[in-house]
């Protein structure tokens, strides 16, 4: 069963990240993965009417975003592509890791491992898109992990989140016992 979770996450990543993708392709794939993680982190508790979990997820994502924006203003740094001075730290990465940490902390490692893999893909995509360097991404990941783990508490074992993938599509299934 453990291999299924990891294999599904890897399958999803391989389907959205061709080996010779353009910088825009990497940026688009990373943004899509970030949005997916946020939707899952907020959606899983909402589907269960777990408003405390939803509030915790929103809080951890918002905290990561606010801390990141504050650091971007305080420490301007030129992006690798030269587009602006908002490289440090990576906002996409901090939000993605906050969502992944929330999923991990709330639902356990079986749901969290694929989320963490996807968050790591988001960080990689930001480097490949030339929007950030490794330090920007590592600091973003640390901000996200910290906010997710400090703000989110474990729900219970009655909820399971399953990633799935086929050759034509991928998604997440949520199962809950009432």
Foldseek 3Di string as FASTA:
>chain_A
DLVQLVVLLVVVLCVQDPPDDALVSLLVSLVVLLVQLLCCQQVQCVVVVVVLSNVLLVQLLVQLQVVLVVVQVVQFCAFQVRPGRRPAADSSLLNQLLSLLSQCQAAHVSRNVSSVSSSVSSLVSCVNSRRYPPVNNVVSNVSSNVSNNVRHHYHDNQKDKGWHDDPVDTDIDIGGDD
